[in-house]
Structures are given as structure tokens and as C-alpha cells.
C-alpha atoms as a PDB file:
ATOM      1  CA  UNK A   1      -5.768  11.460  21.173  1.00  0.00           C
ATOM      2  CA  UNK A   2      -7.928  10.471  18.157  1.00  0.00           C
ATOM      3  CA  UNK A   3      -6.207  12.043  15.266  1.00  0.00           C
ATOM      4  CA  UNK A   4      -6.708  12.226  11.509  1.00  0.00           C
ATOM      5  CA  UNK A   5      -4.115  12.815   8.725  1.00  0.00           C
ATOM      6  CA  UNK A   6      -4.521  16.623   9.095  1.00  0.00           C
ATOM      7  CA  UNK A   7      -2.960  16.642  12.624  1.00  0.00           C
ATOM      8  CA  UNK A   8       0.759  16.578  13.155  1.00  0.00           C
ATOM      9  CA  UNK A   9       1.278  14.519  16.359  1.00  0.00           C
ATOM     10  CA  UNK A  10       4.850  15.299  17.412  1.00  0.00           C
ATOM     11  CA  UNK A  11       6.796  15.397  20.598  1.00  0.00           C
ATOM     12  CA  UNK A  12       5.640  18.961  21.322  1.00  0.00           C
ATOM     13  CA  UNK A  13       1.970  17.934  21.157  1.00  0.00           C
ATOM     14  CA  UNK A  14       2.533  14.781  23.245  1.00  0.00           C
ATOM     15  CA  UNK A  15       4.280  16.763  25.939  1.00  0.00           C
ATOM     16  CA  UNK A  16       1.465  19.294  26.010  1.00  0.00           C
ATOM     17  CA  UNK A  17      -0.975  16.381  26.453  1.00  0.00           C
ATOM     18  CA  UNK A  18       1.012  15.372  29.481  1.00  0.00           C
ATOM     19  CA  UNK A  19       1.965  12.111  31.180  1.00  0.00           C
ATOM     20  CA  UNK A  20      -1.461  10.731  31.165  1.00  0.00           C
ATOM     21  CA  UNK A  21      -1.436  10.350  27.364  1.00  0.00           C
ATOM     22  CA  UNK A  22      -1.521   6.648  26.637  1.00  0.00           C
ATOM     23  CA  UNK A  23      -2.707   6.255  23.022  1.00  0.00           C
ATOM     24  CA  UNK A  24      -2.748   8.064  19.680  1.00  0.00           C
ATOM     25  CA  UNK A  25      -5.483   6.472  17.478  1.00  0.00           C
ATOM     26  CA  UNK A  26      -5.042   7.654  13.884  1.00  0.00           C
ATOM     27  CA  UNK A  27      -8.267   7.523  11.800  1.00  0.00           C
ATOM     28  CA  UNK A  28      -6.295   6.508   8.723  1.00  0.00           C
ATOM     29  CA  UNK A  29      -4.120   3.728   7.350  1.00  0.00           C
ATOM     30  CA  UNK A  30      -1.080   5.906   6.970  1.00  0.00           C
ATOM     31  CA  UNK A  31       0.570   7.344  10.125  1.00  0.00           C
ATOM     32  CA  UNK A  32       3.289   9.576   8.630  1.00  0.00           C
ATOM     33  CA  UNK A  33       1.678  12.441  10.618  1.00  0.00           C
ATOM     34  CA  UNK A  34       2.746  10.842  13.861  1.00  0.00           C
ATOM     35  CA  UNK A  35       6.284  10.835  15.372  1.00  0.00           C
ATOM     36  CA  UNK A  36       6.697   7.175  16.268  1.00  0.00           C
ATOM     37  CA  UNK A  37      10.036   7.698  17.909  1.00  0.00           C
ATOM     38  CA  UNK A  38       8.585  10.382  20.204  1.00  0.00           C
ATOM     39  CA  UNK A  39       5.619   8.126  20.953  1.00  0.00           C
ATOM     40  CA  UNK A  40       7.903   5.230  21.813  1.00  0.00           C
ATOM     41  CA  UNK A  41      10.029   7.339  24.140  1.00  0.00           C
ATOM     42  CA  UNK A  42       6.903   8.318  26.018  1.00  0.00           C
ATOM     43  CA  UNK A  43       5.342   4.824  26.064  1.00  0.00           C
ATOM     44  CA  UNK A  44       2.445   6.048  23.957  1.00  0.00           C
ATOM     45  CA  UNK A  45       0.641   3.385  21.871  1.00  0.00           C
ATOM     46  CA  UNK A  46      -0.080   4.385  18.250  1.00  0.00           C
ATOM     47  CA  UNK A  47      -2.824   2.650  16.203  1.00  0.00           C
ATOM     48  CA  UNK A  48      -4.273   3.071  12.794  1.00  0.00           C
ATOM     49  CA  UNK A  49      -7.289   1.845  10.763  1.00  0.00           C
ATOM     50  CA  UNK A  50      -6.203  -0.591   8.124  1.00  0.00           C
ATOM     51  CA  UNK A  51      -8.279  -3.091   6.124  1.00  0.00           C
ATOM     52  CA  UNK A  52     -11.623  -1.240   6.535  1.00  0.00           C
ATOM     53  CA  UNK A  53     -10.924   1.187   3.784  1.00  0.00           C
ATOM     54  CA  UNK A  54      -9.183  -0.913   1.221  1.00  0.00           C
ATOM     55  CA  UNK A  55     -12.082  -1.402  -1.197  1.00  0.00           C
ATOM     56  CA  UNK A  56     -13.406   2.095  -1.043  1.00  0.00           C
ATOM     57  CA  UNK A  57      -9.983   3.628  -1.703  1.00  0.00           C
ATOM     58  CA  UNK A  58      -9.529   1.209  -4.593  1.00  0.00           C
ATOM     59  CA  UNK A  59     -12.889   2.326  -6.009  1.00  0.00           C
ATOM     60  CA  UNK A  60     -11.549   5.981  -5.778  1.00  0.00           C
ATOM     61  CA  UNK A  61      -8.335   5.104  -7.611  1.00  0.00           C
ATOM     62  CA  UNK A  62     -10.294   3.429 -10.383  1.00  0.00           C
ATOM     63  CA  UNK A  63     -12.708   6.356 -10.513  1.00  0.00           C
ATOM     64  CA  UNK A  64      -9.825   8.722 -11.059  1.00  0.00           C
ATOM     65  CA  UNK A  65      -8.191   6.461 -13.617  1.00  0.00           C
ATOM     66  CA  UNK A  66     -11.351   6.327 -15.704  1.00  0.00           C
ATOM     67  CA  UNK A  67     -12.137  10.039 -15.266  1.00  0.00           C
ATOM     68  CA  UNK A  68      -8.606  11.113 -16.269  1.00  0.00           C
ATOM     69  CA  UNK A  69      -8.409   8.812 -19.226  1.00  0.00           C
ATOM     70  CA  UNK A  70     -11.919   9.832 -20.642  1.00  0.00           C
ATOM     71  CA  UNK A  71     -11.373  13.510 -19.730  1.00  0.00           C
ATOM     72  CA  UNK A  72     -14.465  13.605 -17.630  1.00  0.00           C
ATOM     73  CA  UNK A  73     -13.505  16.737 -15.677  1.00  0.00           C
ATOM     74  CA  UNK A  74     -12.687  18.648 -18.759  1.00  0.00           C
ATOM     75  CA  UNK A  75     -15.873  17.487 -20.432  1.00  0.00           C
ATOM     76  CA  UNK A  76     -18.083  18.531 -17.582  1.00  0.00           C
ATOM     77  CA  UNK A  77     -16.422  21.924 -17.298  1.00  0.00           C
ATOM     78  CA  UNK A  78     -17.163  22.429 -21.025  1.00  0.00           C
ATOM     79  CA  UNK A  79     -20.770  21.472 -20.636  1.00  0.00           C
ATOM     80  CA  UNK A  80     -21.448  23.594 -17.473  1.00  0.00           C
ATOM     81  CA  UNK A  81     -19.802  26.649 -19.077  1.00  0.00           C
ATOM     82  CA  UNK A  82     -22.121  26.432 -22.017  1.00  0.00           C
ATOM     83  CA  UNK A  83     -19.215  25.849 -24.340  1.00  0.00           C
ATOM     84  CA  UNK A  84     -20.603  22.558 -25.772  1.00  0.00           C
ATOM     85  CA  UNK A  85     -22.438  23.229 -28.991  1.00  0.00           C
ATOM     86  CA  UNK A  86     -22.364  19.991 -30.918  1.00  0.00           C
ATOM     87  CA  UNK A  87     -21.139  16.401 -31.018  1.00  0.00           C
ATOM     88  CA  UNK A  88     -17.842  15.949 -32.835  1.00  0.00           C
ATOM     89  CA  UNK A  89     -16.073  12.763 -34.013  1.00  0.00           C
ATOM     90  CA  UNK A  90     -12.833  13.519 -32.194  1.00  0.00           C
ATOM     91  CA  UNK A  91     -14.170  15.741 -29.535  1.00  0.00           C
ATOM     92  CA  UNK A  92     -12.737  15.011 -26.007  1.00  0.00           C
ATOM     93  CA  UNK A  93     -11.261  11.733 -27.029  1.00  0.00           C
ATOM     94  CA  UNK A  94      -8.945   9.806 -24.685  1.00  0.00           C
ATOM     95  CA  UNK A  95      -7.414   6.349 -24.516  1.00  0.00           C
ATOM     96  CA  UNK A  96      -9.338   3.164 -23.930  1.00  0.00           C
ATOM     97  CA  UNK A  97      -8.878   1.632 -20.453  1.00  0.00           C
ATOM     98  CA  UNK A  98     -10.080  -1.817 -21.469  1.00  0.00           C
ATOM     99  CA  UNK A  99      -7.225  -4.195 -22.330  1.00  0.00           C
ATOM    100  CA  UNK A 100      -4.416  -1.863 -21.436  1.00  0.00           C
ATOM    101  CA  UNK A 101      -1.403  -2.314 -19.088  1.00  0.00           C
ATOM    102  CA  UNK A 102      -1.898  -1.203 -15.440  1.00  0.00           C
ATOM    103  CA  UNK A 103       1.062  -0.652 -13.259  1.00  0.00           C
ATOM    104  CA  UNK A 104       0.434  -0.803  -9.553  1.00  0.00           C
ATOM    105  CA  UNK A 105       3.119   0.922  -7.509  1.00  0.00           C
ATOM    106  CA  UNK A 106       2.809  -0.535  -4.020  1.00  0.00           C
ATOM    107  CA  UNK A 107       1.174  -3.961  -3.996  1.00  0.00           C
ATOM    108  CA  UNK A 108      -0.341  -4.008  -0.474  1.00  0.00           C
ATOM    109  CA  UNK A 109      -3.944  -4.365   0.368  1.00  0.00           C
ATOM    110  CA  UNK A 110      -5.271  -1.375  -1.576  1.00  0.00           C
ATOM    111  CA  UNK A 111      -2.939  -2.072  -4.539  1.00  0.00           C
ATOM    112  CA  UNK A 112      -4.161  -5.590  -4.802  1.00  0.00           C
ATOM    113  CA  UNK A 113      -7.788  -4.339  -4.592  1.00  0.00           C
ATOM    114  CA  UNK A 114      -7.195  -2.045  -7.549  1.00  0.00           C
ATOM    115  CA  UNK A 115      -5.651  -5.074  -9.362  1.00  0.00           C
ATOM    116  CA  UNK A 116      -8.856  -7.008  -8.817  1.00  0.00           C
ATOM    117  CA  UNK A 117     -10.887  -4.239 -10.362  1.00  0.00           C
ATOM    118  CA  UNK A 118      -8.482  -4.096 -13.329  1.00  0.00           C
ATOM    119  CA  UNK A 119      -9.217  -7.700 -14.158  1.00  0.00           C
ATOM    120  CA  UNK A 120     -12.849  -6.700 -14.906  1.00  0.00           C
ATOM    121  CA  UNK A 121     -11.414  -4.348 -17.620  1.00  0.00           C
ATOM    122  CA  UNK A 122      -9.227  -7.176 -18.937  1.00  0.00           C
ATOM    123  CA  UNK A 123      -6.114  -5.197 -18.092  1.00  0.00           C
ATOM    124  CA  UNK A 124      -2.599  -6.707 -17.834  1.00  0.00           C
ATOM    125  CA  UNK A 125      -1.658  -6.063 -14.207  1.00  0.00           C
ATOM    126  CA  UNK A 126       1.968  -5.273 -13.552  1.00  0.00           C
ATOM    127  CA  UNK A 127       3.349  -4.167 -10.194  1.00  0.00           C
ATOM    128  CA  UNK A 128       6.379  -2.967  -8.323  1.00  0.00           C
ATOM    129  CA  UNK A 129       6.825  -3.230  -4.531  1.00  0.00           C
ATOM    130  CA  UNK A 130       9.664  -3.481  -2.034  1.00  0.00           C
ATOM    131  CA  UNK A 131       8.839  -7.161  -1.772  1.00  0.00           C
ATOM    132  CA  UNK A 132       7.509  -9.666  -4.287  1.00  0.00           C
ATOM    133  CA  UNK A 133       4.245 -11.316  -3.401  1.00  0.00           C
ATOM    134  CA  UNK A 134       4.076 -14.506  -5.428  1.00  0.00           C
ATOM    135  CA  UNK A 135       0.800 -15.618  -3.739  1.00  0.00           C
ATOM    136  CA  UNK A 136      -0.886 -12.438  -4.907  1.00  0.00           C
ATOM    137  CA  UNK A 137       0.719 -12.761  -8.325  1.00  0.00           C
ATOM    138  CA  UNK A 138      -0.913 -16.163  -8.756  1.00  0.00           C
ATOM    139  CA  UNK A 139      -4.269 -14.969  -7.403  1.00  0.00           C
ATOM    140  CA  UNK A 140      -4.496 -11.799  -9.534  1.00  0.00           C
ATOM    141  CA  UNK A 141      -2.452 -12.857 -12.600  1.00  0.00           C
ATOM    142  CA  UNK A 142      -0.082 -10.070 -11.832  1.00  0.00           C
ATOM    143  CA  UNK A 143       3.519  -9.743 -12.897  1.00  0.00           C
ATOM    144  CA  UNK A 144       6.409  -8.110 -10.991  1.00  0.00           C
ATOM    145  CA  UNK A 145       8.620  -5.519 -12.719  1.00  0.00           C
ATOM    146  CA  UNK A 146      11.462  -3.259 -11.453  1.00  0.00           C
ATOM    147  CA  UNK A 147      10.407   0.333 -11.139  1.00  0.00           C
ATOM    148  CA  UNK A 148      12.050   1.696 -14.312  1.00  0.00           C
ATOM    149  CA  UNK A 149      10.555  -1.068 -16.460  1.00  0.00           C
ATOM    150  CA  UNK A 150       7.098  -0.603 -14.940  1.00  0.00           C
ATOM    151  CA  UNK A 151       7.243   3.145 -15.611  1.00  0.00           C
ATOM    152  CA  UNK A 152       8.190   2.677 -19.276  1.00  0.00           C
ATOM    153  CA  UNK A 153       5.809  -0.199 -19.925  1.00  0.00           C
ATOM    154  CA  UNK A 154       2.428   0.771 -18.472  1.00  0.00           C
ATOM    155  CA  UNK A 155      -0.451   2.790 -19.886  1.00  0.00           C
ATOM    156  CA  UNK A 156      -1.836   3.503 -16.434  1.00  0.00           C
ATOM    157  CA  UNK A 157       0.063   3.757 -13.169  1.00  0.00           C
ATOM    158  CA  UNK A 158      -1.647   3.751  -9.824  1.00  0.00           C
ATOM    159  CA  UNK A 159       0.349   4.791  -6.738  1.00  0.00           C
ATOM    160  CA  UNK A 160      -0.277   2.945  -3.396  1.00  0.00           C
ATOM    161  CA  UNK A 161       2.874   3.269  -1.455  1.00  0.00           C
ATOM    162  CA  UNK A 162       3.070   4.586   2.178  1.00  0.00           C
ATOM    163  CA  UNK A 163       4.952   7.772   2.715  1.00  0.00           C
ATOM    164  CA  UNK A 164       8.487   7.386   4.093  1.00  0.00           C
ATOM    165  CA  UNK A 165      11.891   8.896   3.506  1.00  0.00           C
ATOM    166  CA  UNK A 166      12.397   6.318   0.783  1.00  0.00           C
ATOM    167  CA  UNK A 167       9.162   7.100  -1.055  1.00  0.00           C
ATOM    168  CA  UNK A 168       9.215  10.871  -0.777  1.00  0.00           C
ATOM    169  CA  UNK A 169       9.109  12.081  -4.362  1.00  0.00           C
ATOM    170  CA  UNK A 170       9.356   8.550  -5.614  1.00  0.00           C
ATOM    171  CA  UNK A 171       7.709   9.882  -8.713  1.00  0.00           C
ATOM    172  CA  UNK A 172       9.728  12.909  -9.860  1.00  0.00           C
ATOM    173  CA  UNK A 173      11.088  14.400 -13.015  1.00  0.00           C
ATOM    174  CA  UNK A 174      13.277  11.412 -13.895  1.00  0.00           C
ATOM    175  CA  UNK A 175      10.434   8.915 -13.307  1.00  0.00           C
ATOM    176  CA  UNK A 176       7.933  10.980 -15.291  1.00  0.00           C
ATOM    177  CA  UNK A 177      10.325  11.194 -18.159  1.00  0.00           C
ATOM    178  CA  UNK A 178      10.365   7.345 -18.246  1.00  0.00           C
ATOM    179  CA  UNK A 179       6.609   7.134 -18.802  1.00  0.00           C
ATOM    180  CA  UNK A 180       5.047   6.972 -22.212  1.00  0.00           C
ATOM    181  CA  UNK A 181       3.257  10.078 -23.662  1.00  0.00           C
ATOM    182  CA  UNK A 182      -0.072   8.266 -23.317  1.00  0.00           C
ATOM    183  CA  UNK A 183       0.442   7.358 -19.646  1.00  0.00           C
ATOM    184  CA  UNK A 184      -2.223   8.246 -17.076  1.00  0.00           C
ATOM    185  CA  UNK A 185      -0.882   8.586 -13.496  1.00  0.00           C
ATOM    186  CA  UNK A 186      -3.176   8.143 -10.431  1.00  0.00           C
ATOM    187  CA  UNK A 187      -2.184   8.874  -6.897  1.00  0.00           C
ATOM    188  CA  UNK A 188      -4.421   7.988  -3.837  1.00  0.00           C
ATOM    189  CA  UNK A 189      -1.555   7.256  -1.399  1.00  0.00           C
ATOM    190  CA  UNK A 190       0.070  10.363   0.081  1.00  0.00           C
ATOM    191  CA  UNK A 191       0.761  13.557  -1.733  1.00  0.00           C
ATOM    192  CA  UNK A 192       4.573  13.875  -1.218  1.00  0.00           C
ATOM    193  CA  UNK A 193       5.179  10.500  -3.026  1.00  0.00           C
ATOM    194  CA  UNK A 194       4.718  12.570  -6.244  1.00  0.00           C
ATOM    195  CA  UNK A 195       6.672  15.701  -7.011  1.00  0.00           C
ATOM    196  CA  UNK A 196       3.788  18.024  -7.880  1.00  0.00           C
ATOM    197  CA  UNK A 197       5.997  20.637  -9.607  1.00  0.00           C
ATOM    198  CA  UNK A 198       7.471  18.048 -11.881  1.00  0.00           C
ATOM    199  CA  UNK A 199       4.091  16.504 -12.523  1.00  0.00           C
ATOM    200  CA  UNK A 200       2.694  19.889 -13.537  1.00  0.00           C
ATOM    201  CA  UNK A 201       5.631  20.208 -15.961  1.00  0.00           C
ATOM    202  CA  UNK A 202       5.057  16.832 -17.497  1.00  0.00           C
ATOM    203  CA  UNK A 203       1.316  17.431 -17.874  1.00  0.00           C
ATOM    204  CA  UNK A 204       1.652  20.939 -19.333  1.00  0.00           C
ATOM    205  CA  UNK A 205       4.245  19.759 -21.864  1.00  0.00           C
ATOM    206  CA  UNK A 206       2.131  16.684 -22.765  1.00  0.00           C
ATOM    207  CA  UNK A 207       4.915  14.343 -21.703  1.00  0.00           C
ATOM    208  CA  UNK A 208       2.149  12.205 -20.130  1.00  0.00           C
ATOM    209  CA  UNK A 209      -1.411  12.193 -21.128  1.00  0.00           C
ATOM    210  CA  UNK A 210      -3.171  12.903 -17.826  1.00  0.00           C
ATOM    211  CA  UNK A 211      -3.230  12.422 -14.058  1.00  0.00           C
ATOM    212  CA  UNK A 212      -5.772  11.795 -11.378  1.00  0.00           C
ATOM    213  CA  UNK A 213      -4.952  12.985  -7.869  1.00  0.00           C
ATOM    214  CA  UNK A 214      -6.664  12.685  -4.478  1.00  0.00           C
ATOM    215  CA  UNK A 215      -3.750  13.730  -2.316  1.00  0.00           C
ATOM    216  CA  UNK A 216      -1.331  16.579  -2.350  1.00  0.00           C
ATOM    217  CA  UNK A 217       2.032  17.582  -0.919  1.00  0.00           C
ATOM    218  CA  UNK A 218       0.811  20.486   1.106  1.00  0.00           C
ATOM    219  CA  UNK A 219      -2.797  19.633   1.844  1.00  0.00           C
ATOM    220  CA  UNK A 220      -5.136  21.455   1.636  1.00  0.00           C
ATOM    221  CA  UNK A 221      -3.075  23.505  -0.750  1.00  0.00           C
ATOM    222  CA  UNK A 222      -2.778  22.255  -4.283  1.00  0.00           C
ATOM    223  CA  UNK A 223       0.124  23.317  -6.550  1.00  0.00           C
ATOM    224  CA  UNK A 224      -1.316  26.369  -8.419  1.00  0.00           C
ATOM    225  CA  UNK A 225      -0.157  25.115 -11.813  1.00  0.00           C
ATOM    226  CA  UNK A 226      -2.107  21.911 -11.395  1.00  0.00           C
ATOM    227  CA  UNK A 227      -5.251  23.958 -10.848  1.00  0.00           C
ATOM    228  CA  UNK A 228      -4.735  25.557 -14.205  1.00  0.00           C
ATOM    229  CA  UNK A 229      -4.342  22.401 -16.280  1.00  0.00           C
ATOM    230  CA  UNK A 230      -7.199  20.633 -18.058  1.00  0.00           C
ATOM    231  CA  UNK A 231      -5.522  17.226 -18.110  1.00  0.00           C
ATOM    232  CA  UNK A 232      -5.611  16.446 -14.432  1.00  0.00           C
ATOM    233  CA  UNK A 233      -8.563  15.366 -12.361  1.00  0.00           C
ATOM    234  CA  UNK A 234      -8.405  16.778  -8.780  1.00  0.00           C
ATOM    235  CA  UNK A 235     -10.318  15.382  -5.770  1.00  0.00           C
ATOM    236  CA  UNK A 236     -10.053  16.652  -2.138  1.00  0.00           C
ATOM    237  CA  UNK A 237      -8.737  13.614  -0.370  1.00  0.00           C
ATOM    238  CA  UNK A 238     -11.989  11.554  -0.681  1.00  0.00           C
ATOM    239  CA  UNK A 239     -10.337   8.173  -1.113  1.00  0.00           C
ATOM    240  CA  UNK A 240     -12.158   6.510   1.855  1.00  0.00           C
ATOM    241  CA  UNK A 241     -15.194   8.857   1.712  1.00  0.00           C
ATOM    242  CA  UNK A 242     -18.076   6.430   1.773  1.00  0.00           C
ATOM    243  CA  UNK A 243     -20.542   6.633   4.678  1.00  0.00           C
ATOM    244  CA  UNK A 244     -19.895   2.948   5.530  1.00  0.00           C
ATOM    245  CA  UNK A 245     -16.145   3.130   5.403  1.00  0.00           C
ATOM    246  CA  UNK A 246     -15.800   6.332   7.450  1.00  0.00           C
ATOM    247  CA  UNK A 247     -18.070   4.857  10.094  1.00  0.00           C
ATOM    248  CA  UNK A 248     -15.906   1.750  10.299  1.00  0.00           C
ATOM    249  CA  UNK A 249     -12.745   3.911  10.508  1.00  0.00           C
ATOM    250  CA  UNK A 250     -14.108   5.960  13.350  1.00  0.00           C
ATOM    251  CA  UNK A 251     -15.378   2.922  15.219  1.00  0.00           C
ATOM    252  CA  UNK A 252     -12.046   1.063  14.894  1.00  0.00           C
ATOM    253  CA  UNK A 253     -10.136   4.093  16.089  1.00  0.00           C
ATOM    254  CA  UNK A 254     -12.503   4.341  19.108  1.00  0.00           C
ATOM    255  CA  UNK A 255     -12.157   0.598  19.809  1.00  0.00           C
ATOM    256  CA  UNK A 256      -8.370   0.951  19.874  1.00  0.00           C
ATOM    257  CA  UNK A 257      -8.631   3.801  22.388  1.00  0.00           C
ATOM    258  CA  UNK A 258     -10.947   1.817  24.640  1.00  0.00           C
ATOM    259  CA  UNK A 259      -8.702  -1.260  24.496  1.00  0.00           C
ATOM    260  CA  UNK A 260      -5.532   0.669  25.447  1.00  0.00           C
ATOM    261  CA  UNK A 261      -7.224   2.597  28.237  1.00  0.00           C
ATOM    262  CA  UNK A 262      -8.648  -0.746  29.558  1.00  0.00           C
ATOM    263  CA  UNK A 263      -5.115  -2.323  29.609  1.00  0.00           C
ATOM    264  CA  UNK A 264      -5.823  -4.502  26.725  1.00  0.00           C
ATOM    265  CA  UNK A 265      -4.054  -4.967  23.322  1.00  0.00           C
ATOM    266  CA  UNK A 266      -5.468  -2.680  20.608  1.00  0.00           C
ATOM    267  CA  UNK A 267      -6.831  -4.296  17.464  1.00  0.00           C
ATOM    268  CA  UNK A 268      -4.441  -2.520  15.073  1.00  0.00           C
ATOM    269  CA  UNK A 269      -1.323  -1.284  16.715  1.00  0.00           C
ATOM    270  CA  UNK A 270       1.416   0.463  14.769  1.00  0.00           C
ATOM    271  CA  UNK A 271       4.051   0.385  17.382  1.00  0.00           C
ATOM    272  CA  UNK A 272       4.808  -1.892  20.369  1.00  0.00           C
END
């Protein structure tokens, strides 16, 4: 089975595939759509496609960060609707990105790639992760903070954690209340990491400035209140959507399948 994030590969599906099923190759870095326990019980190898999409997804995160801060979606809608009639000194103003504090929540490969981009904007990079990475701290000039301090300190927060029981609704009402009113929140990880209903409340009440989202709790559905808000930039899960990257993801998934069916070790296994 070559799966993407839209397919739920559970015990029922594996049993329907039959005893000849040997490998599930997920064309994604995350694999929360696959029941690893069920795969292990059936001696099915699970693989993913890490590394090849790090830079492209980091580009998307920074794109959303800039667009949300500078109100690009709102500005384009105004222009296309014919509502823009003149330049105004305070029209569609937002916060500067240059020189601000960026909080990276999840300091793996993609989070570090975002931190590298932030250096070009002279941003102070702060991060939180389950584990400290002192080597990356030295390389990127980043500083570790606990979650609560990071939420209350940063002007921009970019989420890059995998989805698990521990990270489900990691950003909820309590966490949003800890953020500053000028905070911009970006999520390119997995939708359920952020509580969309609580985020909609915070945006509608101007408790944070804006958000940029590429992933959603119930894809392809988007929380209806988010669709009504001007201060959120919404993208349809395009984090890795460059031609080069999608080609590399597909090729890696195929190579993993060929390896397993040939009795060899796959390049990027998730389970044993």
C-alpha cells in the first residue's frame, strides 16, 4: 500500500488487504494515519518520507508567517472585490517581522529549517521541544524555553510537532490565553495539534493578532468560524507542494516498497 495522509490505514484495511500485505509506504513525514500496533501484529513494515520535504515545508511556514503578519489575504480580497479606492497611511497595517522573537514549537528538521530562515530576518529564535538540542542551539543561535514561557514571550509561533496523544490540542484555550495580543500563530504540522474552536475564539476576540494555517483538524473540512475571519490565512495543506519535493516524496515511497518486496531494508522505516 502506498498511502498519503488522507488514508486511514487501520487493522480493518490491513485485514482486507490480506496476508500478502508486506509494506505500507506513507507519502508523508507524519504517520499518525497508520495504526502502527496493527501493522506490527501483522508483520507489516511501515515507512515514511522524511528529509526530502524539510526545506519546502519550512518555506510554507515562513510564507504563512509573512502573509498573516502583513494581512496579505485580507488585502488581496479587498483589491479583488473592488473595495480598494485609495492608499491610506494606516490601511491594512500589521506588525514587522524583522527583528522580532520567533518561537519554534518542535525543533526537529523542519523546525530548524524555519529557524535558519528566521536568521535572515534578524529574528531572535526561541524554541521548545521534548528534548533540548544544544548542537542546534549553537548552530542556529537558538535558545530553549519551557512551553509557557515561549508562548508568553514570542511575537511569532510556528508549530512543527508530530501528532500524538501528547500533542493533540497542544495549543488550546489556555495556551492561546498565554500569548500576547500581537502574536501570530502558524501551523504546518498536523491540524489536531491546535484546537480550532479555541483558535477561532481567540482570533475573533483579538486575543492574538493573526494565524496562518496549512492543516486542519478534520481535513478537508475547515472550522466554519475560521472561514469567516479576516485575520487568518488558510492554505489547503500545501506545505510540501513544490514539484521537486512531491517528486522526491513519491520516489522515496516507491523505493521503500521495492526494497521491502525485494527482501531488503527500506530507506526510511518507521517500525521494525
